[in-house]
Amino acid sequence: MDGPSGSGKSSASRGVARALGLRYLDTGAMYRAVTWWMLTHEVDLADPAAIAARAGEPRLEMSTDPDAPGVRLDGEPADGPIRSAEVTRAVSAVSAVPEVRQRLVALQRELIGAGGIVVEGRDIGTVVAPDAPVKVYLTASEEARATRRNAELTGSTVAAQRVELARRDTLDSTRKTDPLAMAADAVELDTTPMTLDEVIAEVLRLVKERG
């Protein structure tokens, strides 16, 4: 399940995973965790070469339980820090570095394994798992996305999130390595007028239809 920030990927993906008894993976949390690591280790985020040089150092452990998703960074829980506004501002710069993407895509494919999992991100259908049997691309209006994203983060406002989402959309869709894009065989779903339960029901319908 791919799409821009605030489109409803996380809640919908977890709901679908629960309904189908599958595992769940939030790949965005992986990029946020690496970003947090770079910030705490005072890596110059304006220098892609500096980020690349240390891309292999952070140790990530991901929970794939949809009822208790989370990430541990170097053995310590990192779910709170990675959702900070500071990380949100910096994550696009870190995730654009090819060495970071190469390492995390390899980890994501390892976690996916033989399947039985719902994966959310920005390049899952196009890069990470191009052979996935069901691909969904979620979108939503700018206002809906800003409101949703603001509810997930600390130290932010809806107005600030509008600006931040516009900036991240541009960065994520224009980066040279694995840009945000909808796979040719994905189903686009605009979640603006939909409740979470309606989104989950529609994805489950697609799974049944294509399964």
N, C-alpha and C. Protein backbone atom coordinates (compact mmCIF):
# COMPACT_ATOMS: atom_id res chain seq x y z
N MET A 1 0.85 -1.18 0.00
CA MET A 1 0.00 0.00 0.00
C MET A 1 0.89 1.24 0.00
N ASP A 2 0.80 2.01 -1.06
CA ASP A 2 1.63 3.20 -1.21
C ASP A 2 0.78 4.46 -1.18
N GLY A 3 1.46 5.61 -1.08
CA GLY A 3 0.77 6.89 -1.11
C GLY A 3 1.54 7.93 -0.32
N PRO A 4 1.18 9.19 -0.47
CA PRO A 4 1.85 10.28 0.24
C PRO A 4 1.48 10.30 1.71
N SER A 5 2.18 11.11 2.48
CA SER A 5 1.92 11.26 3.91
C SER A 5 0.49 11.72 4.17
N GLY A 6 -0.15 11.12 5.18
CA GLY A 6 -1.47 11.55 5.57
C GLY A 6 -2.60 10.98 4.75
N SER A 7 -2.30 10.07 3.83
CA SER A 7 -3.35 9.50 2.98
C SER A 7 -4.12 8.39 3.68
N GLY A 8 -3.65 7.99 4.85
CA GLY A 8 -4.35 6.96 5.61
C GLY A 8 -3.74 5.58 5.52
N LYS A 9 -2.52 5.49 5.00
CA LYS A 9 -1.87 4.19 4.79
C LYS A 9 -1.71 3.38 6.07
N SER A 10 -1.23 4.03 7.13
CA SER A 10 -0.91 3.29 8.36
C SER A 10 -2.13 2.63 8.98
N SER A 11 -3.16 3.42 9.22
CA SER A 11 -4.36 2.90 9.87
C SER A 11 -5.04 1.85 9.00
N ALA A 12 -5.11 2.11 7.69
CA ALA A 12 -5.75 1.17 6.78
C ALA A 12 -4.95 -0.12 6.68
N SER A 13 -3.65 0.00 6.58
CA SER A 13 -2.80 -1.19 6.46
C SER A 13 -2.89 -2.07 7.70
N ARG A 14 -2.87 -1.45 8.87
CA ARG A 14 -2.99 -2.24 10.10
C ARG A 14 -4.36 -2.91 10.17
N GLY A 15 -5.40 -2.18 9.78
CA GLY A 15 -6.75 -2.75 9.82
C GLY A 15 -6.90 -3.93 8.88
N VAL A 16 -6.33 -3.82 7.69
CA VAL A 16 -6.39 -4.92 6.73
C VAL A 16 -5.60 -6.12 7.24
N ALA A 17 -4.42 -5.85 7.80
CA ALA A 17 -3.60 -6.95 8.33
C ALA A 17 -4.34 -7.68 9.44
N ARG A 18 -4.98 -6.94 10.33
CA ARG A 18 -5.75 -7.57 11.42
C ARG A 18 -6.88 -8.43 10.85
N ALA A 19 -7.61 -7.88 9.89
CA ALA A 19 -8.77 -8.58 9.34
C ALA A 19 -8.37 -9.87 8.64
N LEU A 20 -7.18 -9.88 8.05
CA LEU A 20 -6.74 -11.06 7.29
C LEU A 20 -5.79 -11.95 8.08
N GLY A 21 -5.46 -11.54 9.31
CA GLY A 21 -4.54 -12.33 10.11
C GLY A 21 -3.13 -12.34 9.56
N LEU A 22 -2.73 -11.20 8.97
CA LEU A 22 -1.40 -11.08 8.36
C LEU A 22 -0.48 -10.20 9.20
N ARG A 23 0.80 -10.24 8.85
CA ARG A 23 1.76 -9.34 9.48
C ARG A 23 1.64 -7.96 8.84
N TYR A 24 2.30 -6.98 9.45
CA TYR A 24 2.21 -5.59 8.99
C TYR A 24 3.58 -4.93 9.10
N LEU A 25 3.96 -4.17 8.08
CA LEU A 25 5.25 -3.48 8.11
C LEU A 25 5.08 -2.03 7.67
N ASP A 26 5.53 -1.14 8.54
CA ASP A 26 5.55 0.31 8.26
C ASP A 26 6.96 0.68 7.82
N THR A 27 7.17 0.78 6.51
CA THR A 27 8.52 1.08 6.02
C THR A 27 8.91 2.52 6.30
N GLY A 28 7.91 3.41 6.41
CA GLY A 28 8.21 4.80 6.73
C GLY A 28 8.88 4.94 8.08
N ALA A 29 8.49 4.07 9.03
CA ALA A 29 9.10 4.10 10.35
C ALA A 29 10.58 3.76 10.27
N MET A 30 10.95 2.93 9.30
CA MET A 30 12.35 2.56 9.14
C MET A 30 13.17 3.77 8.69
N TYR A 31 12.64 4.53 7.75
CA TYR A 31 13.36 5.73 7.29
C TYR A 31 13.40 6.78 8.40
N ARG A 32 12.33 6.88 9.16
CA ARG A 32 12.31 7.82 10.28
C ARG A 32 13.34 7.41 11.35
N ALA A 33 13.46 6.12 11.58
CA ALA A 33 14.41 5.66 12.59
C ALA A 33 15.85 5.97 12.18
N VAL A 34 16.16 5.75 10.92
CA VAL A 34 17.51 6.08 10.43
C VAL A 34 17.75 7.58 10.52
N THR A 35 16.72 8.36 10.21
CA THR A 35 16.84 9.82 10.31
C THR A 35 17.11 10.24 11.74
N TRP A 36 16.37 9.67 12.68
CA TRP A 36 16.58 9.99 14.09
C TRP A 36 18.00 9.62 14.52
N TRP A 37 18.48 8.47 14.06
CA TRP A 37 19.85 8.04 14.37
C TRP A 37 20.86 9.06 13.84
N MET A 38 20.66 9.52 12.61
CA MET A 38 21.58 10.50 12.01
C MET A 38 21.57 11.80 12.81
N LEU A 39 20.38 12.22 13.24
CA LEU A 39 20.28 13.45 14.03
C LEU A 39 20.99 13.32 15.37
N THR A 40 20.78 12.21 16.06
CA THR A 40 21.39 12.04 17.38
C THR A 40 22.89 11.81 17.29
N HIS A 41 23.38 11.37 16.14
CA HIS A 41 24.81 11.19 15.96
C HIS A 41 25.45 12.38 15.24
N GLU A 42 24.66 13.46 15.12
CA GLU A 42 25.15 14.75 14.60
C GLU A 42 25.75 14.62 13.19
N VAL A 43 25.12 13.80 12.36
CA VAL A 43 25.53 13.71 10.97
C VAL A 43 24.97 14.92 10.22
N ASP A 44 25.76 15.52 9.35
CA ASP A 44 25.32 16.68 8.59
C ASP A 44 24.31 16.24 7.53
N LEU A 45 23.04 16.54 7.74
CA LEU A 45 22.01 16.07 6.82
C LEU A 45 21.96 16.86 5.52
N ALA A 46 22.76 17.90 5.44
CA ALA A 46 22.87 18.64 4.18
C ALA A 46 23.94 18.02 3.28
N ASP A 47 24.61 16.99 3.79
CA ASP A 47 25.71 16.34 3.08
C ASP A 47 25.35 14.88 2.79
N PRO A 48 24.83 14.56 1.60
CA PRO A 48 24.44 13.19 1.28
C PRO A 48 25.58 12.19 1.46
N ALA A 49 26.81 12.62 1.19
CA ALA A 49 27.96 11.72 1.34
C ALA A 49 28.17 11.33 2.80
N ALA A 50 27.93 12.28 3.71
CA ALA A 50 28.07 12.00 5.15
C ALA A 50 27.00 11.01 5.60
N ILE A 51 25.79 11.17 5.09
CA ILE A 51 24.72 10.23 5.42
C ILE A 51 25.05 8.85 4.86
N ALA A 52 25.49 8.81 3.61
CA ALA A 52 25.81 7.54 2.96
C ALA A 52 26.90 6.79 3.71
N ALA A 53 27.87 7.53 4.22
CA ALA A 53 29.01 6.90 4.89
C ALA A 53 28.59 6.16 6.15
N ARG A 54 27.47 6.55 6.75
CA ARG A 54 27.05 5.93 8.02
C ARG A 54 25.73 5.17 7.90
N ALA A 55 25.27 4.99 6.67
CA ALA A 55 23.97 4.36 6.43
C ALA A 55 23.90 2.93 6.95
N GLY A 56 25.03 2.26 7.06
CA GLY A 56 25.03 0.87 7.51
C GLY A 56 25.12 0.70 9.00
N GLU A 57 25.23 1.79 9.75
CA GLU A 57 25.46 1.69 11.19
C GLU A 57 24.22 1.49 12.06
N PRO A 58 23.09 2.16 11.80
CA PRO A 58 21.93 2.00 12.68
C PRO A 58 21.43 0.55 12.67
N ARG A 59 21.13 0.01 13.85
CA ARG A 59 20.59 -1.35 13.97
C ARG A 59 19.09 -1.25 14.19
N LEU A 60 18.33 -1.76 13.23
CA LEU A 60 16.87 -1.68 13.28
C LEU A 60 16.24 -3.03 13.56
N GLU A 61 15.25 -3.03 14.44
CA GLU A 61 14.42 -4.21 14.68
C GLU A 61 12.97 -3.77 14.56
N MET A 62 12.22 -4.43 13.67
CA MET A 62 10.84 -4.04 13.41
C MET A 62 9.87 -5.08 13.94
N SER A 63 8.82 -4.61 14.62
CA SER A 63 7.71 -5.49 14.99
C SER A 63 6.74 -5.52 13.83
N THR A 64 6.33 -6.72 13.41
CA THR A 64 5.36 -6.84 12.33
C THR A 64 3.98 -7.27 12.85
N ASP A 65 3.75 -7.05 14.13
CA ASP A 65 2.46 -7.32 14.75
C ASP A 65 1.56 -6.10 14.53
N PRO A 66 0.45 -6.23 13.79
CA PRO A 66 -0.40 -5.05 13.53
C PRO A 66 -1.01 -4.46 14.80
N ASP A 67 -1.08 -5.24 15.87
CA ASP A 67 -1.61 -4.73 17.13
C ASP A 67 -0.53 -4.07 17.99
N ALA A 68 0.73 -4.30 17.65
CA ALA A 68 1.84 -3.71 18.42
C ALA A 68 3.01 -3.40 17.49
N PRO A 69 2.77 -2.56 16.47
CA PRO A 69 3.87 -2.21 15.56
C PRO A 69 4.88 -1.34 16.28
N GLY A 70 6.09 -1.39 15.84
CA GLY A 70 7.10 -0.55 16.49
C GLY A 70 8.47 -0.80 15.92
N VAL A 71 9.39 0.05 16.34
CA VAL A 71 10.77 -0.06 15.88
C VAL A 71 11.71 0.13 17.06
N ARG A 72 12.73 -0.69 17.09
CA ARG A 72 13.81 -0.53 18.06
C ARG A 72 15.05 -0.11 17.31
N LEU A 73 15.73 0.87 17.85
CA LEU A 73 16.92 1.43 17.22
C LEU A 73 18.11 1.20 18.14
N ASP A 74 19.07 0.42 17.67
CA ASP A 74 20.22 0.05 18.50
C ASP A 74 19.78 -0.54 19.83
N GLY A 75 18.71 -1.34 19.77
CA GLY A 75 18.23 -2.04 20.94
C GLY A 75 17.26 -1.28 21.82
N GLU A 76 16.99 -0.01 21.49
CA GLU A 76 16.11 0.81 22.32
C GLU A 76 14.83 1.19 21.56
N PRO A 77 13.67 1.22 22.23
CA PRO A 77 12.43 1.65 21.57
C PRO A 77 12.58 3.06 21.02
N ALA A 78 12.09 3.29 19.80
CA ALA A 78 12.27 4.60 19.18
C ALA A 78 10.97 5.17 18.63
N ASP A 79 9.84 4.57 18.99
CA ASP A 79 8.57 4.98 18.40
C ASP A 79 8.20 6.43 18.69
N GLY A 80 8.50 6.93 19.88
CA GLY A 80 8.21 8.32 20.20
C GLY A 80 9.08 9.30 19.43
N PRO A 81 10.40 9.20 19.56
CA PRO A 81 11.29 10.15 18.89
C PRO A 81 11.13 10.22 17.38
N ILE A 82 10.84 9.09 16.73
CA ILE A 82 10.79 9.12 15.27
C ILE A 82 9.57 9.85 14.74
N ARG A 83 8.59 10.15 15.61
CA ARG A 83 7.40 10.87 15.17
C ARG A 83 7.48 12.36 15.47
N SER A 84 8.65 12.84 15.88
CA SER A 84 8.80 14.26 16.21
C SER A 84 8.82 15.11 14.95
N ALA A 85 8.52 16.39 15.11
CA ALA A 85 8.54 17.32 13.99
C ALA A 85 9.94 17.43 13.40
N GLU A 86 10.95 17.32 14.25
CA GLU A 86 12.34 17.40 13.79
C GLU A 86 12.65 16.30 12.79
N VAL A 87 12.22 15.09 13.10
CA VAL A 87 12.44 13.97 12.19
C VAL A 87 11.62 14.15 10.93
N THR A 88 10.38 14.61 11.06
CA THR A 88 9.52 14.82 9.90
C THR A 88 10.16 15.78 8.91
N ARG A 89 10.78 16.84 9.43
CA ARG A 89 11.43 17.82 8.54
C ARG A 89 12.65 17.22 7.83
N ALA A 90 13.30 16.27 8.46
CA ALA A 90 14.58 15.78 7.95
C ALA A 90 14.49 14.48 7.16
N VAL A 91 13.38 13.74 7.29
CA VAL A 91 13.34 12.38 6.76
C VAL A 91 13.45 12.32 5.23
N SER A 92 12.92 13.29 4.52
CA SER A 92 13.00 13.25 3.06
C SER A 92 14.45 13.35 2.59
N ALA A 93 15.24 14.17 3.26
CA ALA A 93 16.65 14.33 2.88
C ALA A 93 17.41 13.02 3.09
N VAL A 94 17.13 12.35 4.20
CA VAL A 94 17.83 11.09 4.50
C VAL A 94 17.36 9.98 3.57
N SER A 95 16.05 9.90 3.36
CA SER A 95 15.51 8.82 2.54
C SER A 95 15.85 8.96 1.06
N ALA A 96 16.32 10.13 0.64
CA ALA A 96 16.70 10.34 -0.75
C ALA A 96 18.09 9.80 -1.06
N VAL A 97 18.86 9.48 -0.03
CA VAL A 97 20.24 9.01 -0.23
C VAL A 97 20.21 7.55 -0.70
N PRO A 98 20.77 7.25 -1.87
CA PRO A 98 20.70 5.89 -2.42
C PRO A 98 21.19 4.80 -1.48
N GLU A 99 22.25 5.08 -0.74
CA GLU A 99 22.79 4.05 0.16
C GLU A 99 21.81 3.71 1.28
N VAL A 100 21.07 4.71 1.74
CA VAL A 100 20.05 4.46 2.77
C VAL A 100 18.93 3.61 2.18
N ARG A 101 18.47 3.96 0.99
CA ARG A 101 17.38 3.22 0.37
C ARG A 101 17.79 1.78 0.06
N GLN A 102 19.00 1.60 -0.44
CA GLN A 102 19.47 0.25 -0.77
C GLN A 102 19.47 -0.63 0.46
N ARG A 103 19.96 -0.10 1.57
CA ARG A 103 20.01 -0.90 2.79
C ARG A 103 18.61 -1.22 3.30
N LEU A 104 17.74 -0.21 3.34
CA LEU A 104 16.41 -0.44 3.91
C LEU A 104 15.53 -1.28 3.00
N VAL A 105 15.66 -1.14 1.69
CA VAL A 105 14.89 -2.00 0.78
C VAL A 105 15.29 -3.46 0.98
N ALA A 106 16.58 -3.70 1.18
CA ALA A 106 17.04 -5.08 1.43
C ALA A 106 16.44 -5.62 2.72
N LEU A 107 16.39 -4.78 3.77
CA LEU A 107 15.80 -5.20 5.04
C LEU A 107 14.30 -5.44 4.88
N GLN A 108 13.65 -4.57 4.12
CA GLN A 108 12.20 -4.72 3.91
C GLN A 108 11.90 -6.02 3.17
N ARG A 109 12.67 -6.34 2.16
CA ARG A 109 12.44 -7.59 1.43
C ARG A 109 12.70 -8.80 2.31
N GLU A 110 13.66 -8.68 3.20
CA GLU A 110 13.95 -9.77 4.13
C GLU A 110 12.76 -9.98 5.08
N LEU A 111 12.18 -8.87 5.56
CA LEU A 111 11.03 -8.96 6.45
C LEU A 111 9.79 -9.49 5.72
N ILE A 112 9.63 -9.10 4.48
CA ILE A 112 8.49 -9.57 3.69
C ILE A 112 8.58 -11.08 3.47
N GLY A 113 9.77 -11.56 3.19
CA GLY A 113 9.99 -13.00 3.02
C GLY A 113 9.06 -13.60 1.98
N ALA A 114 8.37 -14.66 2.35
CA ALA A 114 7.48 -15.35 1.42
C ALA A 114 6.11 -14.70 1.32
N GLY A 115 5.88 -13.63 2.05
CA GLY A 115 4.60 -12.93 1.98
C GLY A 115 3.83 -13.00 3.27
N GLY A 116 2.50 -13.03 3.15
CA GLY A 116 1.67 -13.04 4.35
C GLY A 116 1.80 -11.76 5.15
N ILE A 117 1.85 -10.64 4.44
CA ILE A 117 2.13 -9.37 5.11
C ILE A 117 1.51 -8.21 4.34
N VAL A 118 1.11 -7.17 5.05
CA VAL A 118 0.63 -5.92 4.46
C VAL A 118 1.74 -4.90 4.68
N VAL A 119 2.23 -4.31 3.61
CA VAL A 119 3.37 -3.39 3.69
C VAL A 119 2.94 -2.02 3.19
N GLU A 120 3.31 -1.00 3.93
CA GLU A 120 2.97 0.36 3.51
C GLU A 120 4.23 1.19 3.31
N GLY A 121 4.16 2.11 2.35
CA GLY A 121 5.30 2.98 2.10
C GLY A 121 5.06 3.89 0.91
N ARG A 122 6.13 4.17 0.18
CA ARG A 122 6.04 5.05 -0.99
C ARG A 122 6.55 4.37 -2.25
N ASP A 123 7.25 3.26 -2.08
CA ASP A 123 7.81 2.58 -3.26
C ASP A 123 7.62 1.07 -3.18
N ILE A 124 6.60 0.63 -2.44
CA ILE A 124 6.42 -0.81 -2.24
C ILE A 124 6.00 -1.48 -3.54
N GLY A 125 4.98 -0.95 -4.19
CA GLY A 125 4.50 -1.57 -5.42
C GLY A 125 5.42 -1.39 -6.61
N THR A 126 6.25 -0.36 -6.58
CA THR A 126 7.14 -0.08 -7.72
C THR A 126 8.54 -0.66 -7.55
N VAL A 127 9.04 -0.74 -6.30
CA VAL A 127 10.43 -1.14 -6.07
C VAL A 127 10.57 -2.32 -5.12
N VAL A 128 10.01 -2.19 -3.92
CA VAL A 128 10.24 -3.19 -2.87
C VAL A 128 9.61 -4.53 -3.21
N ALA A 129 8.33 -4.51 -3.61
CA ALA A 129 7.62 -5.76 -3.90
C ALA A 129 6.80 -5.61 -5.17
N PRO A 130 7.46 -5.47 -6.32
CA PRO A 130 6.73 -5.24 -7.57
C PRO A 130 5.84 -6.42 -7.98
N ASP A 131 6.06 -7.59 -7.39
CA ASP A 131 5.24 -8.76 -7.73
C ASP A 131 4.08 -8.97 -6.75
N ALA A 132 3.85 -8.01 -5.86
CA ALA A 132 2.75 -8.14 -4.89
C ALA A 132 1.43 -8.38 -5.62
N PRO A 133 0.61 -9.31 -5.14
CA PRO A 133 -0.65 -9.63 -5.84
C PRO A 133 -1.69 -8.52 -5.77
N VAL A 134 -1.63 -7.70 -4.74
CA VAL A 134 -2.57 -6.58 -4.61
C VAL A 134 -1.79 -5.32 -4.29
N LYS A 135 -1.98 -4.29 -5.11
CA LYS A 135 -1.31 -3.01 -4.89
C LYS A 135 -2.37 -1.91 -4.83
N VAL A 136 -2.29 -1.11 -3.78
CA VAL A 136 -3.24 -0.02 -3.60
C VAL A 136 -2.46 1.27 -3.41
N TYR A 137 -2.90 2.32 -4.08
CA TYR A 137 -2.28 3.64 -3.94
C TYR A 137 -3.31 4.57 -3.32
N LEU A 138 -3.08 4.97 -2.07
CA LEU A 138 -4.03 5.83 -1.37
C LEU A 138 -3.70 7.30 -1.58
N THR A 139 -4.75 8.09 -1.80
CA THR A 139 -4.59 9.54 -1.89
C THR A 139 -5.66 10.17 -1.01
N ALA A 140 -5.56 11.48 -0.82
CA ALA A 140 -6.57 12.23 -0.06
C ALA A 140 -6.32 13.71 -0.32
N SER A 141 -7.29 14.54 -0.01
CA SER A 141 -7.14 15.97 -0.21
C SER A 141 -6.04 16.51 0.71
N GLU A 142 -5.54 17.67 0.35
CA GLU A 142 -4.48 18.31 1.14
C GLU A 142 -4.93 18.55 2.58
N GLU A 143 -6.16 19.04 2.75
CA GLU A 143 -6.68 19.34 4.09
C GLU A 143 -6.81 18.07 4.93
N ALA A 144 -7.35 17.01 4.32
CA ALA A 144 -7.52 15.75 5.05
C ALA A 144 -6.17 15.18 5.45
N ARG A 145 -5.23 15.25 4.56
CA ARG A 145 -3.90 14.70 4.84
C ARG A 145 -3.21 15.48 5.96
N ALA A 146 -3.31 16.82 5.91
CA ALA A 146 -2.67 17.64 6.94
C ALA A 146 -3.27 17.38 8.31
N THR A 147 -4.59 17.22 8.35
CA THR A 147 -5.27 16.95 9.62
C THR A 147 -4.86 15.60 10.18
N ARG A 148 -4.81 14.59 9.32
CA ARG A 148 -4.43 13.25 9.76
C ARG A 148 -2.99 13.22 10.24
N ARG A 149 -2.11 13.82 9.47
CA ARG A 149 -0.69 13.80 9.84
C ARG A 149 -0.46 14.55 11.14
N ASN A 150 -1.14 15.66 11.34
CA ASN A 150 -0.97 16.44 12.56
C ASN A 150 -1.37 15.62 13.79
N ALA A 151 -2.39 14.79 13.64
CA ALA A 151 -2.86 13.97 14.76
C ALA A 151 -1.84 12.90 15.16
N GLU A 152 -0.95 12.55 14.25
CA GLU A 152 0.03 11.50 14.51
C GLU A 152 1.32 12.03 15.12
N LEU A 153 1.53 13.34 15.03
CA LEU A 153 2.82 13.91 15.41
C LEU A 153 2.72 14.78 16.66
N THR A 154 3.88 15.04 17.24
CA THR A 154 3.96 15.91 18.41
C THR A 154 4.56 17.25 18.00
N GLY A 155 4.14 18.31 18.65
CA GLY A 155 4.72 19.63 18.43
C GLY A 155 4.44 20.22 17.06
N SER A 156 3.23 20.00 16.53
CA SER A 156 2.92 20.51 15.21
C SER A 156 1.51 21.11 15.18
N THR A 157 1.14 21.70 14.03
CA THR A 157 -0.20 22.24 13.81
C THR A 157 -0.65 21.81 12.42
N VAL A 158 -1.95 21.89 12.16
CA VAL A 158 -2.47 21.52 10.86
C VAL A 158 -1.89 22.44 9.78
N ALA A 159 -1.81 23.73 10.07
CA ALA A 159 -1.26 24.68 9.10
C ALA A 159 0.19 24.35 8.76
N ALA A 160 0.96 24.03 9.78
CA ALA A 160 2.36 23.67 9.56
C ALA A 160 2.46 22.40 8.73
N GLN A 161 1.54 21.46 8.97
CA GLN A 161 1.56 20.21 8.23
C GLN A 161 1.20 20.40 6.76
N ARG A 162 0.35 21.37 6.45
CA ARG A 162 0.04 21.66 5.04
C ARG A 162 1.32 22.03 4.30
N VAL A 163 2.08 22.92 4.91
CA VAL A 163 3.33 23.37 4.30
C VAL A 163 4.32 22.21 4.21
N GLU A 164 4.43 21.45 5.29
CA GLU A 164 5.37 20.34 5.33
C GLU A 164 5.01 19.26 4.32
N LEU A 165 3.73 18.95 4.20
CA LEU A 165 3.31 17.91 3.25
C LEU A 165 3.60 18.33 1.81
N ALA A 166 3.39 19.59 1.49
CA ALA A 166 3.68 20.08 0.14
C ALA A 166 5.17 19.96 -0.16
N ARG A 167 5.98 20.29 0.84
CA ARG A 167 7.43 20.18 0.67
C ARG A 167 7.84 18.71 0.48
N ARG A 168 7.31 17.83 1.32
CA ARG A 168 7.67 16.42 1.24
C ARG A 168 7.16 15.78 -0.05
N ASP A 169 5.98 16.17 -0.49
CA ASP A 169 5.45 15.64 -1.75
C ASP A 169 6.42 15.93 -2.89
N THR A 170 6.91 17.16 -2.92
CA THR A 170 7.84 17.56 -3.98
C THR A 170 9.14 16.76 -3.89
N LEU A 171 9.69 16.69 -2.69
CA LEU A 171 10.94 15.95 -2.51
C LEU A 171 10.78 14.46 -2.82
N ASP A 172 9.71 13.86 -2.31
CA ASP A 172 9.53 12.42 -2.47
C ASP A 172 9.24 12.02 -3.92
N SER A 173 8.53 12.88 -4.64
CA SER A 173 8.15 12.53 -6.01
C SER A 173 9.22 12.90 -7.04
N THR A 174 10.21 13.71 -6.65
CA THR A 174 11.24 14.14 -7.60
C THR A 174 12.63 13.59 -7.28
N ARG A 175 12.77 12.84 -6.18
CA ARG A 175 14.10 12.30 -5.87
C ARG A 175 14.52 11.33 -6.97
N LYS A 176 15.82 11.21 -7.20
CA LYS A 176 16.33 10.39 -8.29
C LYS A 176 16.19 8.90 -8.02
N THR A 177 16.30 8.50 -6.75
CA THR A 177 16.24 7.09 -6.41
C THR A 177 14.87 6.73 -5.84
N ASP A 178 14.18 5.80 -6.50
CA ASP A 178 12.89 5.27 -6.03
C ASP A 178 11.90 6.36 -5.64
N PRO A 179 11.52 7.25 -6.56
CA PRO A 179 10.58 8.32 -6.21
C PRO A 179 9.18 7.78 -5.91
N LEU A 180 8.41 8.56 -5.16
CA LEU A 180 7.03 8.22 -4.90
C LEU A 180 6.28 8.18 -6.23
N ALA A 181 5.65 7.05 -6.51
CA ALA A 181 4.91 6.90 -7.75
C ALA A 181 3.90 5.77 -7.60
N MET A 182 2.85 5.83 -8.37
CA MET A 182 1.85 4.77 -8.34
C MET A 182 2.24 3.70 -9.36
N ALA A 183 2.27 2.44 -8.92
CA ALA A 183 2.57 1.34 -9.83
C ALA A 183 1.51 1.27 -10.92
N ALA A 184 1.91 0.84 -12.10
CA ALA A 184 0.99 0.79 -13.24
C ALA A 184 -0.21 -0.10 -12.97
N ASP A 185 -0.01 -1.15 -12.16
CA ASP A 185 -1.11 -2.09 -11.90
C ASP A 185 -1.73 -1.88 -10.52
N ALA A 186 -1.51 -0.72 -9.92
CA ALA A 186 -2.11 -0.42 -8.61
C ALA A 186 -3.50 0.16 -8.78
N VAL A 187 -4.34 0.01 -7.76
CA VAL A 187 -5.66 0.61 -7.73
C VAL A 187 -5.57 1.89 -6.90
N GLU A 188 -5.94 3.02 -7.49
CA GLU A 188 -5.91 4.29 -6.76
C GLU A 188 -7.20 4.47 -5.98
N LEU A 189 -7.04 4.84 -4.71
CA LEU A 189 -8.21 4.99 -3.83
C LEU A 189 -8.12 6.33 -3.11
N ASP A 190 -9.06 7.23 -3.41
CA ASP A 190 -9.11 8.54 -2.75
C ASP A 190 -9.89 8.37 -1.44
N THR A 191 -9.19 8.53 -0.32
CA THR A 191 -9.80 8.28 0.98
C THR A 191 -10.43 9.52 1.61
N THR A 192 -10.42 10.65 0.91
CA THR A 192 -10.93 11.89 1.50
C THR A 192 -12.33 11.76 2.08
N PRO A 193 -13.29 11.22 1.32
CA PRO A 193 -14.66 11.16 1.84
C PRO A 193 -14.97 9.89 2.62
N MET A 194 -13.96 9.06 2.83
CA MET A 194 -14.20 7.73 3.41
C MET A 194 -13.80 7.65 4.88
N THR A 195 -14.55 6.84 5.63
CA THR A 195 -14.14 6.53 6.99
C THR A 195 -13.07 5.46 6.92
N LEU A 196 -12.37 5.27 8.03
CA LEU A 196 -11.35 4.23 8.06
C LEU A 196 -11.95 2.86 7.76
N ASP A 197 -13.10 2.57 8.35
CA ASP A 197 -13.75 1.27 8.12
C ASP A 197 -14.09 1.08 6.65
N GLU A 198 -14.49 2.16 5.99
CA GLU A 198 -14.82 2.06 4.56
C GLU A 198 -13.58 1.79 3.72
N VAL A 199 -12.47 2.43 4.09
CA VAL A 199 -11.21 2.19 3.36
C VAL A 199 -10.78 0.73 3.53
N ILE A 200 -10.82 0.25 4.76
CA ILE A 200 -10.43 -1.13 5.02
C ILE A 200 -11.33 -2.10 4.25
N ALA A 201 -12.63 -1.85 4.27
CA ALA A 201 -13.57 -2.72 3.56
C ALA A 201 -13.29 -2.75 2.06
N GLU A 202 -12.94 -1.60 1.50
CA GLU A 202 -12.66 -1.54 0.06
C GLU A 202 -11.38 -2.30 -0.28
N VAL A 203 -10.36 -2.17 0.56
CA VAL A 203 -9.12 -2.91 0.31
C VAL A 203 -9.37 -4.42 0.46
N LEU A 204 -10.14 -4.80 1.45
CA LEU A 204 -10.47 -6.22 1.62
C LEU A 204 -11.23 -6.75 0.40
N ARG A 205 -12.10 -5.91 -0.15
CA ARG A 205 -12.82 -6.31 -1.36
C ARG A 205 -11.85 -6.56 -2.51
N LEU A 206 -10.86 -5.68 -2.64
CA LEU A 206 -9.85 -5.83 -3.70
C LEU A 206 -9.03 -7.09 -3.50
N VAL A 207 -8.69 -7.38 -2.24
CA VAL A 207 -7.92 -8.59 -1.95
C VAL A 207 -8.72 -9.82 -2.36
N LYS A 208 -10.01 -9.84 -2.01
CA LYS A 208 -10.86 -10.98 -2.36
C LYS A 208 -11.02 -11.11 -3.86
N GLU A 209 -11.16 -9.97 -4.51
CA GLU A 209 -11.36 -9.95 -5.96
C GLU A 209 -10.12 -10.46 -6.69
N ARG A 210 -8.95 -10.10 -6.19
CA ARG A 210 -7.70 -10.46 -6.88
C ARG A 210 -7.05 -11.73 -6.32
N GLY A 211 -7.59 -12.20 -5.17
CA GLY A 211 -6.99 -13.37 -4.54
C GLY A 211 -7.54 -14.67 -5.07
